[in-house]
Amino acid sequence: MRYKQQIAEILVKHDIEGFIRMGAPIDEYDSEAEILSNRLVFGACTDNNPSVIATMLAFIFAASFGYDTPLSTTVYMGAASDIHKAIYG
């Protein structure tokens, strides 16, 4: 998948859930990275700025990890900014 590896590396670096620090395998966030990559490449949104990416991450993580409601997008802004920079320059 296009961008999946870059996104996965950024998600591991930020380790928002703390799973990597707890000893989870390095591929812990691969499925979330693939979902986000697909949305960025094939999604209808053309304004994928860091705030939009942070919102996408909030909903992806909520679905993946079983949250009733997504965490605040501010939790994801660091990763979202890095993802935006990696993909869009």
C-alpha atoms as a PDB file:
ATOM      1  CA  MET A   1       0.000   0.000   0.000  1.00  0.00           C
ATOM      2  CA  ARG A   2       1.175   3.440  -0.875  1.00  0.00           C
ATOM      3  CA  TYR A   3       2.411   5.357   2.200  1.00  0.00           C
ATOM      4  CA  LYS A   4       1.513   2.527   4.601  1.00  0.00           C
ATOM      5  CA  GLN A   5       5.108   1.936   5.716  1.00  0.00           C
ATOM      6  CA  GLN A   6       5.804   5.644   6.263  1.00  0.00           C
ATOM      7  CA  ILE A   7       2.598   6.040   8.268  1.00  0.00           C
ATOM      8  CA  ALA A   8       3.277   2.896  10.315  1.00  0.00           C
ATOM      9  CA  GLU A   9       6.748   4.157  11.222  1.00  0.00           C
ATOM     10  CA  ILE A  10       5.318   7.490  12.342  1.00  0.00           C
ATOM     11  CA  LEU A  11       2.615   5.804  14.423  1.00  0.00           C
ATOM     12  CA  VAL A  12       5.260   3.629  16.100  1.00  0.00           C
ATOM     13  CA  LYS A  13       7.407   6.700  16.753  1.00  0.00           C
ATOM     14  CA  HIS A  14       4.519   8.521  18.426  1.00  0.00           C
ATOM     15  CA  ASP A  15       3.122   5.351  20.062  1.00  0.00           C
ATOM     16  CA  ILE A  16      -0.078   7.148  21.052  1.00  0.00           C
ATOM     17  CA  GLU A  17      -1.513   4.087  22.786  1.00  0.00           C
ATOM     18  CA  GLY A  18       1.768   3.260  24.541  1.00  0.00           C
ATOM     19  CA  PHE A  19       1.729  -0.308  23.238  1.00  0.00           C
ATOM     20  CA  ILE A  20       5.266  -0.249  21.820  1.00  0.00           C
ATOM     21  CA  ARG A  21       6.608   0.961  25.172  1.00  0.00           C
ATOM     22  CA  MET A  22       4.772  -1.960  26.790  1.00  0.00           C
ATOM     23  CA  GLY A  23       6.529  -4.430  24.495  1.00  0.00           C
ATOM     24  CA  ALA A  24       4.056  -4.839  21.632  1.00  0.00           C
ATOM     25  CA  PRO A  25       5.515  -5.910  18.296  1.00  0.00           C
ATOM     26  CA  ILE A  26       6.747  -3.193  15.967  1.00  0.00           C
ATOM     27  CA  ASP A  27       3.885  -3.938  13.543  1.00  0.00           C
ATOM     28  CA  GLU A  28       1.268  -3.038  16.188  1.00  0.00           C
ATOM     29  CA  TYR A  29      -0.084  -0.087  14.201  1.00  0.00           C
ATOM     30  CA  ASP A  30       0.140  -1.605  10.703  1.00  0.00           C
ATOM     31  CA  SER A  31      -3.603  -2.085  10.283  1.00  0.00           C
ATOM     32  CA  GLU A  32      -4.312   1.512  11.342  1.00  0.00           C
ATOM     33  CA  ALA A  33      -1.584   2.710   8.968  1.00  0.00           C
ATOM     34  CA  GLU A  34      -3.154   0.765   6.106  1.00  0.00           C
ATOM     35  CA  ILE A  35      -6.610   2.189   6.796  1.00  0.00           C
ATOM     36  CA  LEU A  36      -5.273   5.752   6.920  1.00  0.00           C
ATOM     37  CA  SER A  37      -3.167   5.221   3.805  1.00  0.00           C
ATOM     38  CA  ASN A  38      -6.217   4.006   1.897  1.00  0.00           C
ATOM     39  CA  ARG A  39      -8.272   6.971   3.066  1.00  0.00           C
ATOM     40  CA  LEU A  40      -5.590   9.458   2.074  1.00  0.00           C
ATOM     41  CA  VAL A  41      -5.035   7.896  -1.342  1.00  0.00           C
ATOM     42  CA  PHE A  42      -8.567   6.834  -2.272  1.00  0.00           C
ATOM     43  CA  GLY A  43     -10.733   9.054  -0.052  1.00  0.00           C
ATOM     44  CA  ALA A  44     -12.950  11.833  -1.279  1.00  0.00           C
ATOM     45  CA  CYS A  45     -11.323  14.475   0.923  1.00  0.00           C
ATOM     46  CA  THR A  46      -8.941  16.714  -1.000  1.00  0.00           C
ATOM     47  CA  ASP A  47      -7.912  18.899   1.958  1.00  0.00           C
ATOM     48  CA  ASN A  48      -5.866  16.420   3.986  1.00  0.00           C
ATOM     49  CA  ASN A  49      -4.282  18.960   6.306  1.00  0.00           C
ATOM     50  CA  PRO A  50      -2.943  17.867   9.733  1.00  0.00           C
ATOM     51  CA  SER A  51      -6.266  18.605  11.460  1.00  0.00           C
ATOM     52  CA  VAL A  52      -8.157  16.401   9.016  1.00  0.00           C
ATOM     53  CA  ILE A  53      -5.568  13.632   9.392  1.00  0.00           C
ATOM     54  CA  ALA A  54      -5.796  13.907  13.205  1.00  0.00           C
ATOM     55  CA  THR A  55      -9.580  13.497  12.992  1.00  0.00           C
ATOM     56  CA  MET A  56      -9.172  10.461  10.741  1.00  0.00           C
ATOM     57  CA  LEU A  57      -6.681   8.967  13.202  1.00  0.00           C
ATOM     58  CA  ALA A  58      -9.046   9.584  16.123  1.00  0.00           C
ATOM     59  CA  PHE A  59     -11.831   7.631  14.444  1.00  0.00           C
ATOM     60  CA  ILE A  60      -9.535   4.878  13.151  1.00  0.00           C
ATOM     61  CA  PHE A  61      -8.019   4.338  16.593  1.00  0.00           C
ATOM     62  CA  ALA A  62     -11.451   4.415  18.251  1.00  0.00           C
ATOM     63  CA  ALA A  63     -12.694   1.685  15.922  1.00  0.00           C
ATOM     64  CA  SER A  64      -9.497  -0.375  16.222  1.00  0.00           C
ATOM     65  CA  PHE A  65      -9.194  -0.222  19.980  1.00  0.00           C
ATOM     66  CA  GLY A  66     -12.867  -0.263  20.936  1.00  0.00           C
ATOM     67  CA  TYR A  67     -13.414   3.251  22.264  1.00  0.00           C
ATOM     68  CA  ASP A  68     -17.029   4.342  22.515  1.00  0.00           C
ATOM     69  CA  THR A  69     -15.990   7.822  21.458  1.00  0.00           C
ATOM     70  CA  PRO A  70     -12.755   8.941  19.818  1.00  0.00           C
ATOM     71  CA  LEU A  71     -10.077  10.627  21.892  1.00  0.00           C
ATOM     72  CA  SER A  72      -9.541  14.332  21.336  1.00  0.00           C
ATOM     73  CA  THR A  73      -7.868  15.088  18.040  1.00  0.00           C
ATOM     74  CA  THR A  74      -5.174  17.005  19.937  1.00  0.00           C
ATOM     75  CA  VAL A  75      -3.826  13.611  21.057  1.00  0.00           C
ATOM     76  CA  TYR A  76      -3.106  12.785  17.408  1.00  0.00           C
ATOM     77  CA  MET A  77      -1.811  16.152  16.147  1.00  0.00           C
ATOM     78  CA  GLY A  78       1.897  15.349  16.475  1.00  0.00           C
ATOM     79  CA  ALA A  79       1.550  12.155  14.466  1.00  0.00           C
ATOM     80  CA  ALA A  80      -0.831  13.841  12.023  1.00  0.00           C
ATOM     81  CA  SER A  81       1.629  16.664  11.383  1.00  0.00           C
ATOM     82  CA  ASP A  82       4.454  14.196  10.767  1.00  0.00           C
ATOM     83  CA  ILE A  83       2.257  12.132   8.440  1.00  0.00           C
ATOM     84  CA  HIS A  84       1.234  15.240   6.521  1.00  0.00           C
ATOM     85  CA  LYS A  85       4.858  16.314   6.142  1.00  0.00           C
ATOM     86  CA  ALA A  86       5.959  12.825   5.026  1.00  0.00           C
ATOM     87  CA  ILE A  87       3.255  12.532   2.392  1.00  0.00           C
ATOM     88  CA  TYR A  88       2.662  16.065   1.175  1.00  0.00           C
ATOM     89  CA  GLY A  89       6.023  17.671   1.929  1.00  0.00           C
END
